[in-house]
C-alpha atoms as a PDB file:
ATOM      1  CA  MET A   1      17.186  15.602 -29.136  1.00  0.00           C
ATOM      2  CA  ALA A   2      14.597  16.820 -26.597  1.00  0.00           C
ATOM      3  CA  PRO A   3      15.362  19.782 -24.453  1.00  0.00           C
ATOM      4  CA  ALA A   4      16.499  19.034 -20.893  1.00  0.00           C
ATOM      5  CA  SER A   5      13.286  20.369 -19.240  1.00  0.00           C
ATOM      6  CA  LEU A   6      11.081  18.162 -21.432  1.00  0.00           C
ATOM      7  CA  ARG A   7      13.291  15.158 -20.791  1.00  0.00           C
ATOM      8  CA  ASP A   8      13.271  15.741 -16.978  1.00  0.00           C
ATOM      9  CA  GLY A   9       9.482  16.147 -17.097  1.00  0.00           C
ATOM     10  CA  LEU A  10       9.093  12.929 -19.002  1.00  0.00           C
ATOM     11  CA  VAL A  11      11.332  11.016 -16.514  1.00  0.00           C
ATOM     12  CA  MET A  12       9.283  12.402 -13.590  1.00  0.00           C
ATOM     13  CA  PHE A  13       6.162  10.970 -15.211  1.00  0.00           C
ATOM     14  CA  VAL A  14       7.541   7.669 -16.435  1.00  0.00           C
ATOM     15  CA  VAL A  15       9.168   6.483 -13.218  1.00  0.00           C
ATOM     16  CA  PRO A  16       6.000   6.788 -11.104  1.00  0.00           C
ATOM     17  CA  ALA A  17       3.954   5.210 -13.888  1.00  0.00           C
ATOM     18  CA  ILE A  18       6.275   2.222 -13.942  1.00  0.00           C
ATOM     19  CA  ALA A  19       6.360   1.988 -10.136  1.00  0.00           C
ATOM     20  CA  LEU A  20       2.598   2.431  -9.542  1.00  0.00           C
ATOM     21  CA  PRO A  21       1.569  -1.056 -10.683  1.00  0.00           C
ATOM     22  CA  PHE A  22       4.246  -2.666  -8.562  1.00  0.00           C
ATOM     23  CA  VAL A  23       3.302  -0.689  -5.465  1.00  0.00           C
ATOM     24  CA  LEU A  24      -0.492  -1.389  -6.129  1.00  0.00           C
ATOM     25  CA  GLY A  25       0.254  -5.053  -6.404  1.00  0.00           C
ATOM     26  CA  LEU A  26       2.191  -5.034  -3.169  1.00  0.00           C
ATOM     27  CA  ALA A  27      -0.614  -3.187  -1.479  1.00  0.00           C
ATOM     28  CA  LEU A  28      -3.175  -5.561  -2.686  1.00  0.00           C
ATOM     29  CA  PHE A  29      -1.107  -8.475  -1.577  1.00  0.00           C
ATOM     30  CA  ARG A  30      -0.797  -6.948   1.953  1.00  0.00           C
ATOM     31  CA  LEU A  31      -4.451  -6.143   2.127  1.00  0.00           C
ATOM     32  CA  TYR A  32      -5.198  -9.836   1.486  1.00  0.00           C
ATOM     33  CA  GLN A  33      -2.392 -11.462   3.429  1.00  0.00           C
ATOM     34  CA  ILE A  34      -2.447  -9.519   6.753  1.00  0.00           C
ATOM     35  CA  PRO A  35      -6.102 -10.451   7.725  1.00  0.00           C
ATOM     36  CA  ARG A  36      -5.564 -13.990   6.493  1.00  0.00           C
ATOM     37  CA  GLN A  37      -2.344 -14.500   8.362  1.00  0.00           C
ATOM     38  CA  LEU A  38      -3.830 -12.929  11.577  1.00  0.00           C
ATOM     39  CA  TRP A  39      -6.823 -15.250  11.362  1.00  0.00           C
ATOM     40  CA  SER A  40      -4.656 -18.332  10.837  1.00  0.00           C
ATOM     41  CA  GLY A  41      -2.205 -17.400  13.600  1.00  0.00           C
ATOM     42  CA  ASP A  42       0.829 -17.106  11.354  1.00  0.00           C
ATOM     43  CA  LEU A  43       0.960 -13.393  12.195  1.00  0.00           C
ATOM     44  CA  ARG A  44       0.165 -11.631  15.455  1.00  0.00           C
ATOM     45  CA  PHE A  45       0.253  -8.194  16.905  1.00  0.00           C
ATOM     46  CA  ALA A  46       3.611  -7.229  18.377  1.00  0.00           C
ATOM     47  CA  ALA A  47       3.783  -7.847  22.109  1.00  0.00           C
ATOM     48  CA  LYS A  48       5.982  -4.837  22.792  1.00  0.00           C
ATOM     49  CA  GLY A  49       3.627  -2.219  21.326  1.00  0.00           C
ATOM     50  CA  GLY A  50       0.526  -2.535  23.483  1.00  0.00           C
ATOM     51  CA  ALA A  51      -2.927  -1.435  22.539  1.00  0.00           C
ATOM     52  CA  GLY A  52      -1.814   1.831  20.871  1.00  0.00           C
ATOM     53  CA  LEU A  53       0.274  -0.009  18.269  1.00  0.00           C
ATOM     54  CA  ARG A  54      -2.642  -2.457  17.659  1.00  0.00           C
ATOM     55  CA  VAL A  55      -4.907   0.467  16.955  1.00  0.00           C
ATOM     56  CA  ALA A  56      -2.266   1.946  14.575  1.00  0.00           C
ATOM     57  CA  VAL A  57      -2.025  -1.301  12.678  1.00  0.00           C
ATOM     58  CA  VAL A  58      -5.769  -1.491  12.203  1.00  0.00           C
ATOM     59  CA  LEU A  59      -5.889   2.204  11.154  1.00  0.00           C
ATOM     60  CA  ALA A  60      -2.973   1.702   8.831  1.00  0.00           C
ATOM     61  CA  TRP A  61      -4.728  -1.236   7.167  1.00  0.00           C
ATOM     62  CA  LEU A  62      -7.976   0.854   6.772  1.00  0.00           C
ATOM     63  CA  VAL A  63      -5.959   3.772   5.364  1.00  0.00           C
ATOM     64  CA  LEU A  64      -4.289   1.524   2.826  1.00  0.00           C
ATOM     65  CA  LEU A  65      -7.603  -0.003   1.867  1.00  0.00           C
ATOM     66  CA  GLY A  66      -9.225   3.463   1.556  1.00  0.00           C
ATOM     67  CA  THR A  67      -6.424   4.938  -0.561  1.00  0.00           C
ATOM     68  CA  THR A  68      -6.297   1.868  -2.762  1.00  0.00           C
ATOM     69  CA  LEU A  69     -10.000   2.153  -3.458  1.00  0.00           C
ATOM     70  CA  LEU A  70      -9.658   5.906  -3.991  1.00  0.00           C
ATOM     71  CA  LEU A  71      -6.822   5.489  -6.473  1.00  0.00           C
ATOM     72  CA  VAL A  72      -8.421   2.707  -8.412  1.00  0.00           C
ATOM     73  CA  GLY A  73     -11.883   4.477  -8.421  1.00  0.00           C
ATOM     74  CA  SER A  74     -10.331   7.769  -9.561  1.00  0.00           C
ATOM     75  CA  VAL A  75      -8.298   6.202 -12.272  1.00  0.00           C
ATOM     76  CA  ILE A  76     -11.386   4.216 -13.616  1.00  0.00           C
ATOM     77  CA  GLN A  77     -13.525   7.358 -13.381  1.00  0.00           C
ATOM     78  CA  SER A  78     -11.028   9.384 -15.396  1.00  0.00           C
ATOM     79  CA  ILE A  79     -10.840   6.672 -18.075  1.00  0.00           C
ATOM     80  CA  VAL A  80     -14.471   6.030 -18.309  1.00  0.00           C
ATOM     81  CA  THR A  81     -15.866   9.537 -18.268  1.00  0.00           C
ATOM     82  CA  ALA A  82     -15.360  11.810 -21.235  1.00  0.00           C
ATOM     83  CA  ASP A  83     -14.952  14.798 -18.952  1.00  0.00           C
ATOM     84  CA  HIS A  84     -11.502  16.153 -19.510  1.00  0.00           C
ATOM     85  CA  GLU A  85     -11.339  18.875 -16.908  1.00  0.00           C
ATOM     86  CA  ALA A  86      -7.983  19.825 -15.487  1.00  0.00           C
ATOM     87  CA  ALA A  87      -9.273  19.392 -11.871  1.00  0.00           C
ATOM     88  CA  ASN A  88     -10.010  15.732 -12.504  1.00  0.00           C
ATOM     89  CA  HIS A  89      -6.546  15.130 -13.847  1.00  0.00           C
ATOM     90  CA  VAL A  90      -4.895  16.959 -11.058  1.00  0.00           C
ATOM     91  CA  PHE A  91      -6.833  14.797  -8.526  1.00  0.00           C
ATOM     92  CA  VAL A  92      -5.744  11.641 -10.232  1.00  0.00           C
ATOM     93  CA  LEU A  93      -2.132  12.800 -10.404  1.00  0.00           C
ATOM     94  CA  ALA A  94      -2.293  13.656  -6.699  1.00  0.00           C
ATOM     95  CA  CYS A  95      -3.600  10.145  -5.980  1.00  0.00           C
ATOM     96  CA  VAL A  96      -0.919   8.551  -8.066  1.00  0.00           C
ATOM     97  CA  ALA A  97       1.821  10.603  -6.576  1.00  0.00           C
ATOM     98  CA  GLY A  98       0.745  10.115  -2.957  1.00  0.00           C
ATOM     99  CA  TYR A  99       0.013   6.423  -3.103  1.00  0.00           C
ATOM    100  CA  PRO A 100       3.583   5.134  -2.807  1.00  0.00           C
ATOM    101  CA  ILE A 101       4.083   7.476   0.157  1.00  0.00           C
ATOM    102  CA  VAL A 102       0.987   6.014   1.853  1.00  0.00           C
ATOM    103  CA  TYR A 103       2.107   2.560   1.123  1.00  0.00           C
ATOM    104  CA  ILE A 104       5.568   3.118   2.653  1.00  0.00           C
ATOM    105  CA  GLY A 105       4.014   4.722   5.751  1.00  0.00           C
ATOM    106  CA  THR A 106       1.618   1.738   6.306  1.00  0.00           C
ATOM    107  CA  ALA A 107       4.403  -0.780   5.582  1.00  0.00           C
ATOM    108  CA  TRP A 108       6.379   0.844   8.360  1.00  0.00           C
ATOM    109  CA  VAL A 109       3.490   0.555  10.792  1.00  0.00           C
ATOM    110  CA  PHE A 110       3.001  -3.136   9.759  1.00  0.00           C
ATOM    111  CA  TYR A 111       6.679  -3.821  10.208  1.00  0.00           C
ATOM    112  CA  HIS A 112       6.714  -2.468  13.818  1.00  0.00           C
ATOM    113  CA  GLY A 113       3.168  -3.578  14.694  1.00  0.00           C
ATOM    114  CA  LEU A 114       3.056  -7.230  13.591  1.00  0.00           C
ATOM    115  CA  GLU A 115       5.276 -10.076  14.080  1.00  0.00           C
ATOM    116  CA  LYS A 116       5.417 -13.705  12.709  1.00  0.00           C
ATOM    117  CA  ARG A 117       4.541 -16.562  14.971  1.00  0.00           C
ATOM    118  CA  PRO A 118       7.703 -18.031  16.561  1.00  0.00           C
ATOM    119  CA  ALA A 119       8.847 -21.054  14.572  1.00  0.00           C
ATOM    120  CA  ALA A 120       8.726 -24.480  16.399  1.00  0.00           C
ATOM    121  CA  LYS A 121      12.002 -25.531  17.744  1.00  0.00           C
ATOM    122  CA  HIS A 122      13.785 -28.339  15.974  1.00  0.00           C
ATOM    123  CA  GLY A 123      12.371 -31.711  16.966  1.00  0.00           C
ATOM    124  CA  GLU A 124       9.051 -30.380  18.284  1.00  0.00           C
ATOM    125  CA  ALA A 125       5.854 -31.368  16.669  1.00  0.00           C
ATOM    126  CA  SER A 126       3.895 -28.592  14.976  1.00  0.00           C
ATOM    127  CA  SER A 127       0.577 -27.612  16.480  1.00  0.00           C
ATOM    128  CA  ARG A 128      -1.048 -27.715  13.012  1.00  0.00           C
END
């Protein structure tokens, strides 16, 4: 049986490793769906927020895009290069650990800054 400290350290590594692909998939889905839905009119900026919330939504989308590219790029670089310096591994671990936090923060901004188009009332013809 493994010592408790080793088991705790392993759990702290395994849980983020399992969650990361799920969070990355959700982020890629949002990065694709938000602009597409805004363009089609299925999604719109929240009326209650004003210009400040619109800017926050755009910045949150750009932050999510940038951190996604940084995460994927750093992981690919650490896999491809034969350089096994500790600083590179610490940077990748920091990206992996911080990515879910960034995702939750941007999801919060999207939740408050975007709203779906109101559904057509029963019996009305759709505009599409």
